[in-house]
Amino acid sequence: MFSQAKALPWAQAPVLEAASEHAHGRVEVRTAKVLTAPRIAFPHARQVLRIHRWVRESCTGRVRRSYAYLVTSLPAESATAAELASLVRGHWGLEARHHIRDVSLGEGASRVRAGNAPQNMALLRDVAIGLLAGLGFASIPAAYRWVGYECFTRPLDLLRLP
């Protein structure tokens, strides 16, 4: 399916959405093109979206380019290129949260596996991430370390408990 999506006539498709972002020590430019009713081996495919990412690292000047292809059953009347691109960005936001839960909070190493406990722990980790993000540090690990320096009082301060 990837080779079929890549082989579509992208050169003829206009750029329907473009966005740039300056953050995390890099400049990222994303453009999106959409083709409707493609003939690819995916049931009910109505649109294919191609996102071109161009990233320049500010400190080194190194440039990376990548393409992502997405297939959707949503017709063009239901989802524009901007809406599809927004859905993709939202997905990466979820992936970032899962990365924080796994790497910073050790969710993958958790031995909690019975009953509702895994879902309850995931909820508690999400609450902790929200509280840590509200502290204004550059990253969740930095906030996590700051709380850990006084581990008997700072978590209670975050929850506003005496």
N, C-alpha and C. Protein backbone atom coordinates (compact mmCIF):
# COMPACT_ATOMS: atom_id res chain seq x y z
N MET A 1 0.83 -1.19 0.00
CA MET A 1 0.00 0.00 0.00
C MET A 1 0.87 1.25 0.00
N PHE A 2 2.02 1.22 0.73
CA PHE A 2 2.91 2.38 0.75
C PHE A 2 3.38 2.72 -0.66
N SER A 3 3.83 1.72 -1.40
CA SER A 3 4.34 2.00 -2.75
C SER A 3 3.22 2.51 -3.66
N GLN A 4 2.00 2.05 -3.45
CA GLN A 4 0.88 2.56 -4.24
C GLN A 4 0.59 4.02 -3.90
N ALA A 5 0.61 4.37 -2.62
CA ALA A 5 0.37 5.76 -2.22
C ALA A 5 1.48 6.66 -2.72
N LYS A 6 2.71 6.18 -2.65
CA LYS A 6 3.86 6.98 -3.09
C LYS A 6 3.84 7.21 -4.60
N ALA A 7 3.29 6.24 -5.36
CA ALA A 7 3.27 6.32 -6.82
C ALA A 7 2.15 7.20 -7.37
N LEU A 8 1.27 7.71 -6.53
CA LEU A 8 0.18 8.57 -7.01
C LEU A 8 0.77 9.86 -7.60
N PRO A 9 0.03 10.55 -8.46
CA PRO A 9 0.56 11.75 -9.14
C PRO A 9 0.64 12.97 -8.22
N TRP A 10 1.56 12.95 -7.26
CA TRP A 10 1.68 14.02 -6.28
C TRP A 10 2.18 15.32 -6.91
N ALA A 11 2.96 15.25 -7.97
CA ALA A 11 3.48 16.47 -8.60
C ALA A 11 2.35 17.33 -9.16
N GLN A 12 1.26 16.71 -9.54
CA GLN A 12 0.13 17.44 -10.11
C GLN A 12 -0.81 17.99 -9.04
N ALA A 13 -0.70 17.49 -7.82
CA ALA A 13 -1.60 17.92 -6.74
C ALA A 13 -1.11 19.23 -6.14
N PRO A 14 -2.01 20.16 -5.89
CA PRO A 14 -1.60 21.43 -5.27
C PRO A 14 -1.39 21.26 -3.77
N VAL A 15 -0.55 22.12 -3.19
CA VAL A 15 -0.38 22.17 -1.74
C VAL A 15 -1.63 22.81 -1.16
N LEU A 16 -2.34 22.07 -0.32
CA LEU A 16 -3.59 22.56 0.24
C LEU A 16 -3.46 23.09 1.66
N GLU A 17 -2.38 22.73 2.30
CA GLU A 17 -2.16 23.17 3.68
C GLU A 17 -0.67 23.32 3.90
N ALA A 18 -0.26 24.39 4.54
CA ALA A 18 1.16 24.61 4.86
C ALA A 18 1.23 25.22 6.26
N ALA A 19 2.22 24.79 7.02
CA ALA A 19 2.41 25.32 8.37
C ALA A 19 3.89 25.29 8.69
N SER A 20 4.32 26.25 9.50
CA SER A 20 5.70 26.25 9.96
C SER A 20 5.71 26.45 11.47
N GLU A 21 6.75 25.93 12.08
CA GLU A 21 6.84 25.98 13.53
C GLU A 21 8.30 26.16 13.93
N HIS A 22 8.55 27.04 14.87
CA HIS A 22 9.89 27.27 15.42
C HIS A 22 9.85 26.86 16.88
N ALA A 23 10.41 25.69 17.19
CA ALA A 23 10.41 25.21 18.57
C ALA A 23 11.43 24.10 18.73
N HIS A 24 11.82 23.86 19.96
CA HIS A 24 12.71 22.74 20.31
C HIS A 24 14.03 22.80 19.53
N GLY A 25 14.51 24.00 19.24
CA GLY A 25 15.80 24.14 18.56
C GLY A 25 15.77 23.76 17.10
N ARG A 26 14.61 23.86 16.49
CA ARG A 26 14.52 23.52 15.06
C ARG A 26 13.38 24.30 14.41
N VAL A 27 13.49 24.41 13.09
CA VAL A 27 12.43 25.01 12.28
C VAL A 27 11.82 23.88 11.48
N GLU A 28 10.51 23.73 11.57
CA GLU A 28 9.83 22.66 10.85
C GLU A 28 8.78 23.26 9.94
N VAL A 29 8.81 22.88 8.68
CA VAL A 29 7.81 23.31 7.71
C VAL A 29 7.10 22.05 7.22
N ARG A 30 5.77 22.08 7.28
CA ARG A 30 4.96 20.95 6.83
C ARG A 30 4.01 21.41 5.74
N THR A 31 3.96 20.64 4.66
CA THR A 31 2.98 20.90 3.62
C THR A 31 2.15 19.64 3.43
N ALA A 32 0.90 19.82 3.06
CA ALA A 32 -0.01 18.69 2.86
C ALA A 32 -0.66 18.77 1.50
N LYS A 33 -0.68 17.64 0.84
CA LYS A 33 -1.39 17.48 -0.43
C LYS A 33 -2.37 16.33 -0.26
N VAL A 34 -3.52 16.46 -0.90
CA VAL A 34 -4.54 15.42 -0.80
C VAL A 34 -5.00 15.05 -2.19
N LEU A 35 -5.14 13.75 -2.42
CA LEU A 35 -5.73 13.24 -3.65
C LEU A 35 -6.97 12.44 -3.26
N THR A 36 -8.05 12.64 -3.99
CA THR A 36 -9.30 11.95 -3.67
C THR A 36 -9.49 10.74 -4.57
N ALA A 37 -10.27 9.80 -4.07
CA ALA A 37 -10.65 8.57 -4.78
C ALA A 37 -9.46 7.87 -5.44
N PRO A 38 -8.42 7.58 -4.69
CA PRO A 38 -7.27 6.89 -5.29
C PRO A 38 -7.59 5.42 -5.55
N ARG A 39 -6.82 4.85 -6.43
CA ARG A 39 -6.97 3.42 -6.73
C ARG A 39 -5.84 2.68 -6.02
N ILE A 40 -6.03 2.43 -4.74
CA ILE A 40 -5.03 1.70 -3.98
C ILE A 40 -5.70 0.54 -3.26
N ALA A 41 -4.92 -0.41 -2.82
CA ALA A 41 -5.44 -1.61 -2.18
C ALA A 41 -5.77 -1.35 -0.72
N PHE A 42 -6.77 -0.52 -0.50
CA PHE A 42 -7.23 -0.24 0.85
C PHE A 42 -8.74 -0.11 0.78
N PRO A 43 -9.49 -0.96 1.47
CA PRO A 43 -10.95 -0.91 1.37
C PRO A 43 -11.50 0.46 1.79
N HIS A 44 -12.41 0.95 1.00
CA HIS A 44 -13.13 2.20 1.30
C HIS A 44 -12.25 3.44 1.31
N ALA A 45 -11.09 3.39 0.67
CA ALA A 45 -10.20 4.57 0.62
C ALA A 45 -10.88 5.67 -0.18
N ARG A 46 -10.97 6.85 0.41
CA ARG A 46 -11.58 7.99 -0.26
C ARG A 46 -10.56 9.09 -0.53
N GLN A 47 -9.56 9.21 0.37
CA GLN A 47 -8.53 10.24 0.20
C GLN A 47 -7.18 9.69 0.66
N VAL A 48 -6.13 10.20 0.04
CA VAL A 48 -4.77 9.93 0.49
C VAL A 48 -4.12 11.29 0.75
N LEU A 49 -3.50 11.41 1.91
CA LEU A 49 -2.85 12.65 2.31
C LEU A 49 -1.34 12.41 2.31
N ARG A 50 -0.60 13.34 1.73
CA ARG A 50 0.86 13.27 1.80
C ARG A 50 1.35 14.49 2.55
N ILE A 51 2.09 14.25 3.62
CA ILE A 51 2.67 15.34 4.40
C ILE A 51 4.16 15.33 4.16
N HIS A 52 4.66 16.47 3.72
CA HIS A 52 6.10 16.64 3.51
C HIS A 52 6.62 17.47 4.68
N ARG A 53 7.58 16.90 5.42
CA ARG A 53 8.18 17.60 6.56
C ARG A 53 9.61 18.00 6.19
N TRP A 54 9.90 19.25 6.40
CA TRP A 54 11.24 19.79 6.17
C TRP A 54 11.68 20.37 7.50
N VAL A 55 12.75 19.82 8.07
CA VAL A 55 13.20 20.23 9.41
C VAL A 55 14.65 20.68 9.33
N ARG A 56 14.92 21.88 9.86
CA ARG A 56 16.29 22.39 9.95
C ARG A 56 16.64 22.58 11.42
N GLU A 57 17.70 21.90 11.85
CA GLU A 57 18.18 22.05 13.22
C GLU A 57 18.86 23.42 13.34
N SER A 58 18.45 24.22 14.30
CA SER A 58 18.97 25.57 14.45
C SER A 58 20.45 25.61 14.79
N CYS A 59 20.91 24.70 15.66
CA CYS A 59 22.30 24.76 16.11
C CYS A 59 23.28 24.21 15.07
N THR A 60 22.89 23.21 14.29
CA THR A 60 23.82 22.60 13.34
C THR A 60 23.54 22.99 11.89
N GLY A 61 22.33 23.45 11.61
CA GLY A 61 21.96 23.76 10.24
C GLY A 61 21.60 22.54 9.41
N ARG A 62 21.67 21.37 10.03
CA ARG A 62 21.35 20.12 9.33
C ARG A 62 19.88 20.12 8.92
N VAL A 63 19.62 19.65 7.69
CA VAL A 63 18.26 19.62 7.16
C VAL A 63 17.84 18.17 6.94
N ARG A 64 16.64 17.85 7.41
CA ARG A 64 16.05 16.53 7.17
C ARG A 64 14.72 16.72 6.46
N ARG A 65 14.44 15.83 5.51
CA ARG A 65 13.15 15.84 4.82
C ARG A 65 12.53 14.46 4.94
N SER A 66 11.23 14.44 5.11
CA SER A 66 10.54 13.15 5.15
C SER A 66 9.13 13.32 4.60
N TYR A 67 8.57 12.21 4.15
CA TYR A 67 7.20 12.19 3.65
C TYR A 67 6.41 11.17 4.46
N ALA A 68 5.18 11.49 4.76
CA ALA A 68 4.27 10.56 5.42
C ALA A 68 3.03 10.47 4.55
N TYR A 69 2.53 9.26 4.37
CA TYR A 69 1.33 9.02 3.57
C TYR A 69 0.25 8.47 4.49
N LEU A 70 -0.94 9.03 4.40
CA LEU A 70 -2.05 8.59 5.22
C LEU A 70 -3.26 8.31 4.34
N VAL A 71 -3.96 7.26 4.65
CA VAL A 71 -5.14 6.87 3.89
C VAL A 71 -6.35 7.01 4.80
N THR A 72 -7.43 7.57 4.28
CA THR A 72 -8.64 7.73 5.09
C THR A 72 -9.87 7.37 4.27
N SER A 73 -10.89 6.95 4.98
CA SER A 73 -12.17 6.67 4.35
C SER A 73 -13.08 7.89 4.37
N LEU A 74 -12.60 8.99 4.94
CA LEU A 74 -13.39 10.23 4.98
C LEU A 74 -13.43 10.87 3.59
N PRO A 75 -14.61 11.22 3.09
CA PRO A 75 -14.67 11.92 1.80
C PRO A 75 -14.21 13.37 1.94
N ALA A 76 -13.91 13.99 0.80
CA ALA A 76 -13.40 15.37 0.80
C ALA A 76 -14.40 16.33 1.43
N GLU A 77 -15.69 16.05 1.34
CA GLU A 77 -16.70 16.93 1.93
C GLU A 77 -16.66 16.88 3.46
N SER A 78 -16.17 15.78 4.00
CA SER A 78 -16.16 15.60 5.46
C SER A 78 -14.86 16.06 6.11
N ALA A 79 -13.75 16.02 5.34
CA ALA A 79 -12.46 16.36 5.94
C ALA A 79 -11.58 17.05 4.91
N THR A 80 -11.25 18.30 5.18
CA THR A 80 -10.36 19.05 4.30
C THR A 80 -8.91 18.68 4.61
N ALA A 81 -8.00 19.16 3.79
CA ALA A 81 -6.57 18.91 4.02
C ALA A 81 -6.14 19.47 5.36
N ALA A 82 -6.63 20.65 5.71
CA ALA A 82 -6.27 21.26 7.00
C ALA A 82 -6.76 20.41 8.16
N GLU A 83 -7.97 19.88 8.06
CA GLU A 83 -8.51 19.05 9.13
C GLU A 83 -7.74 17.73 9.24
N LEU A 84 -7.39 17.12 8.11
CA LEU A 84 -6.61 15.89 8.14
C LEU A 84 -5.23 16.14 8.74
N ALA A 85 -4.60 17.24 8.34
CA ALA A 85 -3.28 17.58 8.89
C ALA A 85 -3.37 17.81 10.40
N SER A 86 -4.44 18.44 10.84
CA SER A 86 -4.65 18.67 12.26
C SER A 86 -4.83 17.35 13.01
N LEU A 87 -5.54 16.40 12.42
CA LEU A 87 -5.69 15.09 13.04
C LEU A 87 -4.35 14.39 13.19
N VAL A 88 -3.49 14.53 12.18
CA VAL A 88 -2.16 13.93 12.24
C VAL A 88 -1.35 14.56 13.37
N ARG A 89 -1.37 15.88 13.48
CA ARG A 89 -0.64 16.56 14.55
C ARG A 89 -1.18 16.14 15.92
N GLY A 90 -2.50 15.99 16.03
CA GLY A 90 -3.10 15.54 17.27
C GLY A 90 -2.64 14.15 17.66
N HIS A 91 -2.48 13.29 16.66
CA HIS A 91 -2.00 11.94 16.91
C HIS A 91 -0.60 11.97 17.52
N TRP A 92 0.26 12.85 17.00
CA TRP A 92 1.63 12.93 17.54
C TRP A 92 1.62 13.48 18.96
N GLY A 93 0.64 14.30 19.28
CA GLY A 93 0.51 14.76 20.66
C GLY A 93 0.21 13.60 21.60
N LEU A 94 -0.65 12.68 21.16
CA LEU A 94 -0.93 11.48 21.95
C LEU A 94 0.31 10.61 22.07
N GLU A 95 1.04 10.46 20.98
CA GLU A 95 2.27 9.67 21.02
C GLU A 95 3.27 10.27 22.00
N ALA A 96 3.36 11.59 22.05
CA ALA A 96 4.28 12.25 22.98
C ALA A 96 3.88 11.94 24.42
N ARG A 97 2.58 11.95 24.70
CA ARG A 97 2.10 11.65 26.05
C ARG A 97 2.45 10.20 26.42
N HIS A 98 2.27 9.27 25.48
CA HIS A 98 2.62 7.87 25.75
C HIS A 98 4.12 7.73 25.98
N HIS A 99 4.91 8.49 25.24
CA HIS A 99 6.36 8.45 25.42
C HIS A 99 6.73 8.93 26.83
N ILE A 100 6.11 10.00 27.28
CA ILE A 100 6.39 10.53 28.62
C ILE A 100 5.98 9.50 29.67
N ARG A 101 4.79 8.90 29.48
CA ARG A 101 4.35 7.90 30.46
C ARG A 101 5.29 6.71 30.51
N ASP A 102 5.82 6.31 29.37
CA ASP A 102 6.68 5.13 29.33
C ASP A 102 8.09 5.45 29.81
N VAL A 103 8.69 6.52 29.28
CA VAL A 103 10.09 6.81 29.58
C VAL A 103 10.25 7.50 30.93
N SER A 104 9.53 8.57 31.18
CA SER A 104 9.72 9.33 32.42
C SER A 104 9.06 8.67 33.63
N LEU A 105 7.91 8.04 33.41
CA LEU A 105 7.19 7.47 34.54
C LEU A 105 7.25 5.95 34.58
N GLY A 106 7.98 5.33 33.67
CA GLY A 106 8.24 3.89 33.72
C GLY A 106 7.03 3.00 33.54
N GLU A 107 6.07 3.42 32.74
CA GLU A 107 4.86 2.63 32.58
C GLU A 107 5.14 1.25 31.99
N GLY A 108 6.10 1.17 31.07
CA GLY A 108 6.40 -0.12 30.46
C GLY A 108 6.98 -1.13 31.44
N ALA A 109 7.62 -0.66 32.48
CA ALA A 109 8.22 -1.56 33.48
C ALA A 109 7.25 -1.87 34.62
N SER A 110 6.07 -1.29 34.59
CA SER A 110 5.12 -1.50 35.67
C SER A 110 4.69 -2.96 35.74
N ARG A 111 4.54 -3.45 36.96
CA ARG A 111 4.11 -4.83 37.15
C ARG A 111 2.63 -4.88 37.53
N VAL A 112 1.95 -3.76 37.41
CA VAL A 112 0.52 -3.69 37.71
C VAL A 112 -0.23 -4.21 36.48
N ARG A 113 -0.89 -5.37 36.63
CA ARG A 113 -1.52 -5.99 35.47
C ARG A 113 -2.91 -6.56 35.74
N ALA A 114 -3.40 -6.54 36.94
CA ALA A 114 -4.64 -7.24 37.27
C ALA A 114 -5.82 -6.27 37.37
N GLY A 115 -6.96 -6.72 36.91
CA GLY A 115 -8.21 -5.99 37.04
C GLY A 115 -8.17 -4.61 36.42
N ASN A 116 -8.68 -3.62 37.15
CA ASN A 116 -8.72 -2.24 36.68
C ASN A 116 -7.46 -1.46 37.02
N ALA A 117 -6.53 -2.10 37.71
CA ALA A 117 -5.33 -1.41 38.18
C ALA A 117 -4.52 -0.76 37.05
N PRO A 118 -4.31 -1.42 35.88
CA PRO A 118 -3.55 -0.75 34.82
C PRO A 118 -4.20 0.55 34.34
N GLN A 119 -5.52 0.55 34.18
CA GLN A 119 -6.22 1.77 33.75
C GLN A 119 -6.16 2.84 34.83
N ASN A 120 -6.29 2.43 36.09
CA ASN A 120 -6.21 3.39 37.19
C ASN A 120 -4.82 4.02 37.27
N MET A 121 -3.78 3.21 37.10
CA MET A 121 -2.42 3.74 37.13
C MET A 121 -2.17 4.68 35.95
N ALA A 122 -2.70 4.33 34.77
CA ALA A 122 -2.55 5.21 33.61
C ALA A 122 -3.21 6.55 33.88
N LEU A 123 -4.38 6.54 34.51
CA LEU A 123 -5.07 7.78 34.87
C LEU A 123 -4.24 8.59 35.85
N LEU A 124 -3.68 7.94 36.87
CA LEU A 124 -2.84 8.66 37.84
C LEU A 124 -1.59 9.24 37.17
N ARG A 125 -1.01 8.49 36.23
CA ARG A 125 0.16 9.02 35.50
C ARG A 125 -0.23 10.24 34.68
N ASP A 126 -1.40 10.20 34.05
CA ASP A 126 -1.86 11.36 33.27
C ASP A 126 -2.10 12.57 34.17
N VAL A 127 -2.65 12.36 35.35
CA VAL A 127 -2.84 13.46 36.30
C VAL A 127 -1.48 14.02 36.71
N ALA A 128 -0.52 13.13 36.98
CA ALA A 128 0.82 13.59 37.36
C ALA A 128 1.46 14.39 36.23
N ILE A 129 1.29 13.95 34.98
CA ILE A 129 1.85 14.68 33.84
C ILE A 129 1.23 16.07 33.76
N GLY A 130 -0.08 16.15 33.95
CA GLY A 130 -0.76 17.44 33.91
C GLY A 130 -0.26 18.38 35.00
N LEU A 131 -0.09 17.85 36.20
CA LEU A 131 0.41 18.67 37.30
C LEU A 131 1.85 19.10 37.05
N LEU A 132 2.68 18.18 36.57
CA LEU A 132 4.09 18.51 36.29
C LEU A 132 4.21 19.51 35.16
N ALA A 133 3.37 19.38 34.13
CA ALA A 133 3.41 20.31 33.00
C ALA A 133 3.03 21.72 33.43
N GLY A 134 2.18 21.83 34.43
CA GLY A 134 1.75 23.13 34.92
C GLY A 134 2.79 23.87 35.75
N LEU A 135 3.91 23.23 36.05
CA LEU A 135 4.93 23.88 36.87
C LEU A 135 5.79 24.87 36.08
N GLY A 136 5.75 24.79 34.75
CA GLY A 136 6.49 25.75 33.93
C GLY A 136 7.92 25.37 33.61
N PHE A 137 8.30 24.14 33.85
CA PHE A 137 9.66 23.70 33.50
C PHE A 137 9.73 23.42 32.00
N ALA A 138 10.95 23.33 31.48
CA ALA A 138 11.15 23.10 30.05
C ALA A 138 10.72 21.70 29.63
N SER A 139 10.71 20.75 30.56
CA SER A 139 10.34 19.38 30.22
C SER A 139 9.72 18.70 31.44
N ILE A 140 9.02 17.62 31.18
CA ILE A 140 8.45 16.84 32.27
C ILE A 140 9.55 16.23 33.15
N PRO A 141 10.63 15.67 32.55
CA PRO A 141 11.69 15.14 33.42
C PRO A 141 12.30 16.21 34.35
N ALA A 142 12.43 17.44 33.87
CA ALA A 142 12.97 18.50 34.72
C ALA A 142 12.02 18.77 35.89
N ALA A 143 10.72 18.82 35.62
CA ALA A 143 9.74 19.03 36.69
C ALA A 143 9.73 17.84 37.65
N TYR A 144 9.85 16.65 37.10
CA TYR A 144 9.88 15.42 37.89
C TYR A 144 11.07 15.43 38.86
N ARG A 145 12.24 15.85 38.37
CA ARG A 145 13.43 15.94 39.22
C ARG A 145 13.23 16.98 40.32
N TRP A 146 12.66 18.15 39.95
CA TRP A 146 12.44 19.20 40.93
C TRP A 146 11.54 18.71 42.06
N VAL A 147 10.47 18.02 41.73
CA VAL A 147 9.57 17.48 42.75
C VAL A 147 10.31 16.45 43.59
N GLY A 148 11.17 15.65 42.94
CA GLY A 148 11.89 14.60 43.65
C GLY A 148 12.91 15.11 44.65
N TYR A 149 13.36 16.36 44.49
CA TYR A 149 14.34 16.91 45.42
C TYR A 149 13.78 17.02 46.84
N GLU A 150 12.50 17.24 46.93
CA GLU A 150 11.82 17.27 48.24
C GLU A 150 10.58 16.40 48.12
N CYS A 151 10.82 15.11 48.03
CA CYS A 151 9.75 14.18 47.67
C CYS A 151 8.67 14.01 48.75
N PHE A 152 8.91 14.50 49.96
CA PHE A 152 7.90 14.36 50.99
C PHE A 152 6.95 15.55 51.07
N THR A 153 7.35 16.70 50.52
CA THR A 153 6.50 17.88 50.64
C THR A 153 6.00 18.40 49.29
N ARG A 154 6.83 18.38 48.27
CA ARG A 154 6.42 18.99 47.00
C ARG A 154 5.22 18.31 46.34
N PRO A 155 5.09 16.97 46.35
CA PRO A 155 3.88 16.40 45.76
C PRO A 155 2.62 16.87 46.48
N LEU A 156 2.69 17.04 47.79
CA LEU A 156 1.53 17.55 48.52
C LEU A 156 1.26 19.00 48.17
N ASP A 157 2.32 19.78 47.93
CA ASP A 157 2.14 21.17 47.51
C ASP A 157 1.46 21.23 46.15
N LEU A 158 1.84 20.32 45.24
CA LEU A 158 1.21 20.29 43.92
C LEU A 158 -0.28 20.05 44.01
N LEU A 159 -0.65 19.16 44.93
CA LEU A 159 -2.07 18.83 45.12
C LEU A 159 -2.77 19.80 46.05
N ARG A 160 -1.99 20.78 46.56
CA ARG A 160 -2.51 21.79 47.50
C ARG A 160 -3.09 21.14 48.75
N LEU A 161 -2.35 20.13 49.24
CA LEU A 161 -2.74 19.47 50.49
C LEU A 161 -1.81 19.96 51.59
N PRO A 162 -2.32 20.12 52.80
CA PRO A 162 -1.47 20.61 53.90
C PRO A 162 -0.44 19.59 54.35
